[in-house]
Amino acid sequence: TFDPFHENHFRLVMCALRSCGVRKVLLIPNQGSNPYKPRCASLADRCQTLEDRLQAAQASGELQPGEVEVRVEAGANNWPQREQVAQAVEQEECADVAATATAV
């Protein structure tokens, strides 16, 4: 849910980018609330918190523009749905890579 987005979330993003060879990280918060957190912040507030932290990281030089994107995706509410969303986003994000690999 990223409610709240905290430094451990951010450190995982940085680890993926700096230590695992990932070129881009997509952060997709749940659209709905977390059943284990009865007072979940709104999606808009959670997205704003994510954007604020990423902007601060860019301003400090920790992140480069485009390395991390916050995206709201329909159906990102529970784990079975999130897996389908992840597969669709992966196909979309990697479409140019797949086309290039096929052409070569």
N, C-alpha and C. Protein backbone atom coordinates (compact mmCIF):
# COMPACT_ATOMS: atom_id res chain seq x y z
N THR A 1 0.81 -1.20 0.00
CA THR A 1 0.00 0.00 0.00
C THR A 1 0.85 1.26 0.00
N PHE A 2 2.11 1.14 0.47
CA PHE A 2 2.97 2.32 0.69
C PHE A 2 2.27 3.30 1.63
N ASP A 3 1.76 2.77 2.75
CA ASP A 3 1.07 3.59 3.74
C ASP A 3 1.68 3.34 5.11
N PRO A 4 2.71 4.06 5.41
CA PRO A 4 3.36 5.10 4.61
C PRO A 4 4.52 4.53 3.80
N PHE A 5 4.97 5.29 2.83
CA PHE A 5 6.21 4.99 2.12
C PHE A 5 7.34 5.38 3.07
N HIS A 6 8.19 4.41 3.42
CA HIS A 6 9.23 4.70 4.41
C HIS A 6 10.61 4.39 3.85
N GLU A 7 11.62 4.66 4.64
CA GLU A 7 13.00 4.54 4.16
C GLU A 7 13.38 3.12 3.77
N ASN A 8 12.80 2.10 4.38
CA ASN A 8 13.10 0.74 3.95
C ASN A 8 12.59 0.48 2.54
N HIS A 9 11.42 1.02 2.21
CA HIS A 9 10.95 0.94 0.82
C HIS A 9 11.97 1.61 -0.10
N PHE A 10 12.39 2.81 0.29
CA PHE A 10 13.33 3.56 -0.55
C PHE A 10 14.65 2.82 -0.70
N ARG A 11 15.14 2.23 0.37
CA ARG A 11 16.42 1.49 0.30
C ARG A 11 16.30 0.27 -0.62
N LEU A 12 15.14 -0.38 -0.64
CA LEU A 12 14.94 -1.49 -1.58
C LEU A 12 14.99 -1.01 -3.03
N VAL A 13 14.39 0.14 -3.27
CA VAL A 13 14.45 0.74 -4.61
C VAL A 13 15.91 1.00 -4.99
N MET A 14 16.66 1.61 -4.07
CA MET A 14 18.07 1.93 -4.35
C MET A 14 18.90 0.66 -4.55
N CYS A 15 18.64 -0.36 -3.77
CA CYS A 15 19.36 -1.63 -3.93
C CYS A 15 19.10 -2.22 -5.30
N ALA A 16 17.84 -2.20 -5.72
CA ALA A 16 17.51 -2.73 -7.05
C ALA A 16 18.25 -1.97 -8.14
N LEU A 17 18.30 -0.65 -8.00
CA LEU A 17 18.94 0.18 -9.02
C LEU A 17 20.46 0.08 -8.99
N ARG A 18 21.05 0.08 -7.81
CA ARG A 18 22.51 0.19 -7.70
C ARG A 18 23.23 -1.14 -7.57
N SER A 19 22.53 -2.16 -7.09
CA SER A 19 23.20 -3.43 -6.83
C SER A 19 22.69 -4.60 -7.66
N CYS A 20 21.52 -4.46 -8.25
CA CYS A 20 20.91 -5.59 -8.95
C CYS A 20 20.81 -5.39 -10.46
N GLY A 21 21.30 -4.30 -10.96
CA GLY A 21 21.28 -4.08 -12.40
C GLY A 21 19.95 -3.66 -12.98
N VAL A 22 19.02 -3.25 -12.14
CA VAL A 22 17.71 -2.81 -12.62
C VAL A 22 17.86 -1.40 -13.18
N ARG A 23 17.27 -1.15 -14.33
CA ARG A 23 17.36 0.19 -14.95
C ARG A 23 16.24 1.12 -14.50
N LYS A 24 15.10 0.55 -14.13
CA LYS A 24 13.95 1.39 -13.76
C LYS A 24 13.09 0.61 -12.77
N VAL A 25 12.58 1.32 -11.78
CA VAL A 25 11.68 0.74 -10.78
C VAL A 25 10.34 1.43 -10.90
N LEU A 26 9.28 0.64 -10.97
CA LEU A 26 7.92 1.17 -10.96
C LEU A 26 7.32 0.93 -9.59
N LEU A 27 6.80 1.96 -8.98
CA LEU A 27 6.11 1.84 -7.70
C LEU A 27 4.62 1.99 -7.98
N ILE A 28 3.87 0.92 -7.67
CA ILE A 28 2.43 0.90 -7.96
C ILE A 28 1.69 0.66 -6.65
N PRO A 29 1.21 1.73 -6.02
CA PRO A 29 0.49 1.55 -4.76
C PRO A 29 -0.88 0.91 -4.98
N ASN A 30 -1.33 0.18 -3.96
CA ASN A 30 -2.69 -0.37 -4.00
C ASN A 30 -3.68 0.78 -4.18
N GLN A 31 -4.69 0.52 -4.99
CA GLN A 31 -5.73 1.54 -5.17
C GLN A 31 -6.64 1.60 -3.96
N GLY A 32 -6.88 0.46 -3.38
CA GLY A 32 -7.77 0.40 -2.22
C GLY A 32 -6.98 0.49 -0.93
N SER A 33 -7.67 0.26 0.15
CA SER A 33 -7.02 0.32 1.46
C SER A 33 -6.49 -1.06 1.82
N ASN A 34 -5.64 -1.07 2.82
CA ASN A 34 -5.08 -2.31 3.35
C ASN A 34 -6.03 -2.79 4.44
N PRO A 35 -6.53 -4.04 4.35
CA PRO A 35 -7.46 -4.52 5.38
C PRO A 35 -6.83 -4.60 6.76
N TYR A 36 -5.50 -4.60 6.84
CA TYR A 36 -4.80 -4.65 8.12
C TYR A 36 -4.51 -3.26 8.67
N LYS A 37 -4.83 -2.23 7.89
CA LYS A 37 -4.64 -0.84 8.32
C LYS A 37 -5.98 -0.12 8.14
N PRO A 38 -6.78 -0.10 9.19
CA PRO A 38 -8.13 0.47 9.05
C PRO A 38 -8.15 1.96 8.70
N ARG A 39 -7.07 2.68 8.97
CA ARG A 39 -7.04 4.11 8.65
C ARG A 39 -5.99 4.39 7.58
N CYS A 40 -6.11 3.75 6.47
CA CYS A 40 -5.18 3.91 5.36
C CYS A 40 -5.35 5.29 4.73
N ALA A 41 -4.21 5.90 4.39
CA ALA A 41 -4.25 7.20 3.71
C ALA A 41 -4.85 7.03 2.31
N SER A 42 -5.36 8.11 1.77
CA SER A 42 -5.96 8.04 0.43
C SER A 42 -4.87 7.73 -0.61
N LEU A 43 -5.30 7.22 -1.74
CA LEU A 43 -4.37 6.93 -2.83
C LEU A 43 -3.64 8.19 -3.26
N ALA A 44 -4.35 9.30 -3.36
CA ALA A 44 -3.73 10.57 -3.76
C ALA A 44 -2.64 10.98 -2.76
N ASP A 45 -2.92 10.85 -1.47
CA ASP A 45 -1.92 11.22 -0.46
C ASP A 45 -0.71 10.30 -0.51
N ARG A 46 -0.94 9.00 -0.71
CA ARG A 46 0.18 8.06 -0.79
C ARG A 46 1.04 8.33 -2.02
N CYS A 47 0.40 8.61 -3.15
CA CYS A 47 1.15 8.92 -4.37
C CYS A 47 1.95 10.21 -4.19
N GLN A 48 1.37 11.20 -3.53
CA GLN A 48 2.08 12.46 -3.30
C GLN A 48 3.30 12.24 -2.41
N THR A 49 3.15 11.41 -1.39
CA THR A 49 4.27 11.09 -0.50
C THR A 49 5.39 10.41 -1.29
N LEU A 50 5.03 9.48 -2.15
CA LEU A 50 6.03 8.82 -3.00
C LEU A 50 6.74 9.84 -3.88
N GLU A 51 5.98 10.67 -4.56
CA GLU A 51 6.56 11.67 -5.47
C GLU A 51 7.47 12.64 -4.71
N ASP A 52 7.04 13.06 -3.52
CA ASP A 52 7.86 13.98 -2.72
C ASP A 52 9.21 13.35 -2.37
N ARG A 53 9.19 12.08 -1.96
CA ARG A 53 10.45 11.42 -1.58
C ARG A 53 11.35 11.24 -2.79
N LEU A 54 10.77 10.90 -3.92
CA LEU A 54 11.57 10.70 -5.14
C LEU A 54 12.15 12.03 -5.62
N GLN A 55 11.39 13.11 -5.52
CA GLN A 55 11.91 14.43 -5.90
C GLN A 55 13.06 14.84 -4.99
N ALA A 56 12.94 14.55 -3.70
CA ALA A 56 14.03 14.86 -2.77
C ALA A 56 15.28 14.05 -3.12
N ALA A 57 15.09 12.80 -3.50
CA ALA A 57 16.23 11.96 -3.87
C ALA A 57 16.89 12.45 -5.17
N GLN A 58 16.09 12.95 -6.09
CA GLN A 58 16.67 13.52 -7.31
C GLN A 58 17.41 14.82 -7.00
N ALA A 59 16.85 15.64 -6.13
CA ALA A 59 17.50 16.90 -5.77
C ALA A 59 18.84 16.66 -5.08
N SER A 60 18.94 15.58 -4.30
CA SER A 60 20.18 15.27 -3.59
C SER A 60 21.17 14.49 -4.46
N GLY A 61 20.73 14.05 -5.63
CA GLY A 61 21.59 13.28 -6.52
C GLY A 61 21.56 11.78 -6.29
N GLU A 62 20.72 11.32 -5.36
CA GLU A 62 20.61 9.87 -5.13
C GLU A 62 19.98 9.16 -6.32
N LEU A 63 19.03 9.80 -6.96
CA LEU A 63 18.33 9.24 -8.11
C LEU A 63 18.49 10.15 -9.31
N GLN A 64 18.47 9.53 -10.48
CA GLN A 64 18.46 10.27 -11.73
C GLN A 64 17.01 10.29 -12.25
N PRO A 65 16.63 11.33 -12.97
CA PRO A 65 15.28 11.37 -13.54
C PRO A 65 14.99 10.12 -14.37
N GLY A 66 13.80 9.56 -14.17
CA GLY A 66 13.39 8.40 -14.95
C GLY A 66 13.76 7.06 -14.34
N GLU A 67 14.55 7.03 -13.28
CA GLU A 67 14.92 5.75 -12.68
C GLU A 67 13.78 5.12 -11.90
N VAL A 68 12.90 5.95 -11.35
CA VAL A 68 11.77 5.46 -10.56
C VAL A 68 10.52 6.21 -11.01
N GLU A 69 9.45 5.46 -11.18
CA GLU A 69 8.18 6.05 -11.60
C GLU A 69 7.08 5.56 -10.68
N VAL A 70 6.22 6.47 -10.28
CA VAL A 70 5.01 6.12 -9.53
C VAL A 70 3.89 6.00 -10.54
N ARG A 71 3.20 4.89 -10.51
CA ARG A 71 2.13 4.66 -11.49
C ARG A 71 0.91 4.09 -10.79
N VAL A 72 -0.24 4.61 -11.15
CA VAL A 72 -1.51 4.07 -10.66
C VAL A 72 -2.05 3.16 -11.76
N GLU A 73 -2.30 1.92 -11.40
CA GLU A 73 -2.78 0.92 -12.36
C GLU A 73 -4.10 0.34 -11.89
N ALA A 74 -5.04 0.23 -12.79
CA ALA A 74 -6.33 -0.40 -12.47
C ALA A 74 -6.09 -1.85 -12.07
N GLY A 75 -6.76 -2.27 -11.02
CA GLY A 75 -6.66 -3.66 -10.59
C GLY A 75 -5.55 -3.94 -9.60
N ALA A 76 -4.83 -2.92 -9.15
CA ALA A 76 -3.72 -3.15 -8.22
C ALA A 76 -4.24 -3.12 -6.78
N ASN A 77 -5.12 -4.07 -6.45
CA ASN A 77 -5.73 -4.06 -5.13
C ASN A 77 -5.39 -5.27 -4.27
N ASN A 78 -5.11 -6.39 -4.85
CA ASN A 78 -4.74 -7.54 -4.05
C ASN A 78 -3.69 -8.36 -4.81
N TRP A 79 -3.10 -9.33 -4.16
CA TRP A 79 -1.96 -10.03 -4.76
C TRP A 79 -2.28 -10.74 -6.06
N PRO A 80 -3.38 -11.50 -6.19
CA PRO A 80 -3.64 -12.11 -7.51
C PRO A 80 -3.80 -11.07 -8.61
N GLN A 81 -4.50 -9.97 -8.30
CA GLN A 81 -4.66 -8.90 -9.29
C GLN A 81 -3.32 -8.24 -9.57
N ARG A 82 -2.52 -8.02 -8.54
CA ARG A 82 -1.23 -7.34 -8.72
C ARG A 82 -0.30 -8.15 -9.62
N GLU A 83 -0.36 -9.45 -9.55
CA GLU A 83 0.48 -10.28 -10.43
C GLU A 83 0.09 -10.06 -11.89
N GLN A 84 -1.21 -10.00 -12.17
CA GLN A 84 -1.66 -9.72 -13.53
C GLN A 84 -1.25 -8.33 -13.98
N VAL A 85 -1.37 -7.35 -13.09
CA VAL A 85 -0.95 -5.98 -13.40
C VAL A 85 0.55 -5.96 -13.68
N ALA A 86 1.33 -6.64 -12.84
CA ALA A 86 2.79 -6.67 -13.02
C ALA A 86 3.16 -7.26 -14.37
N GLN A 87 2.51 -8.33 -14.77
CA GLN A 87 2.81 -8.95 -16.07
C GLN A 87 2.46 -8.00 -17.21
N ALA A 88 1.33 -7.33 -17.12
CA ALA A 88 0.93 -6.40 -18.18
C ALA A 88 1.88 -5.21 -18.25
N VAL A 89 2.27 -4.67 -17.10
CA VAL A 89 3.20 -3.54 -17.07
C VAL A 89 4.56 -3.96 -17.61
N GLU A 90 5.00 -5.15 -17.23
CA GLU A 90 6.29 -5.66 -17.73
C GLU A 90 6.28 -5.78 -19.25
N GLN A 91 5.21 -6.31 -19.81
CA GLN A 91 5.12 -6.43 -21.26
C GLN A 91 5.15 -5.05 -21.92
N GLU A 92 4.44 -4.10 -21.33
CA GLU A 92 4.41 -2.74 -21.86
C GLU A 92 5.79 -2.08 -21.77
N GLU A 93 6.41 -2.17 -20.61
CA GLU A 93 7.71 -1.52 -20.39
C GLU A 93 8.82 -2.15 -21.23
N CYS A 94 8.71 -3.43 -21.50
CA CYS A 94 9.77 -4.13 -22.23
C CYS A 94 9.45 -4.34 -23.70
N ALA A 95 8.38 -3.75 -24.18
CA ALA A 95 7.97 -3.96 -25.57
C ALA A 95 9.06 -3.55 -26.54
N ASP A 96 9.72 -2.41 -26.31
CA ASP A 96 10.77 -1.98 -27.24
C ASP A 96 11.98 -2.89 -27.17
N VAL A 97 12.29 -3.41 -25.99
CA VAL A 97 13.42 -4.33 -25.85
C VAL A 97 13.11 -5.64 -26.58
N ALA A 98 11.90 -6.15 -26.40
CA ALA A 98 11.51 -7.40 -27.07
C ALA A 98 11.52 -7.24 -28.57
N ALA A 99 11.04 -6.09 -29.04
CA ALA A 99 11.02 -5.85 -30.50
C ALA A 99 12.43 -5.77 -31.04
N THR A 100 13.33 -5.13 -30.31
CA THR A 100 14.72 -5.03 -30.73
C THR A 100 15.38 -6.40 -30.73
N ALA A 101 15.12 -7.16 -29.68
CA ALA A 101 15.73 -8.49 -29.60
C ALA A 101 15.23 -9.39 -30.71
N THR A 102 13.96 -9.28 -31.06
CA THR A 102 13.41 -10.10 -32.12
C THR A 102 14.00 -9.69 -33.47
N ALA A 103 14.18 -8.39 -33.67
CA ALA A 103 14.68 -7.90 -34.94
C ALA A 103 16.14 -8.29 -35.18
N VAL A 104 16.90 -8.48 -34.13
CA VAL A 104 18.32 -8.79 -34.27
C VAL A 104 18.45 -10.22 -34.58
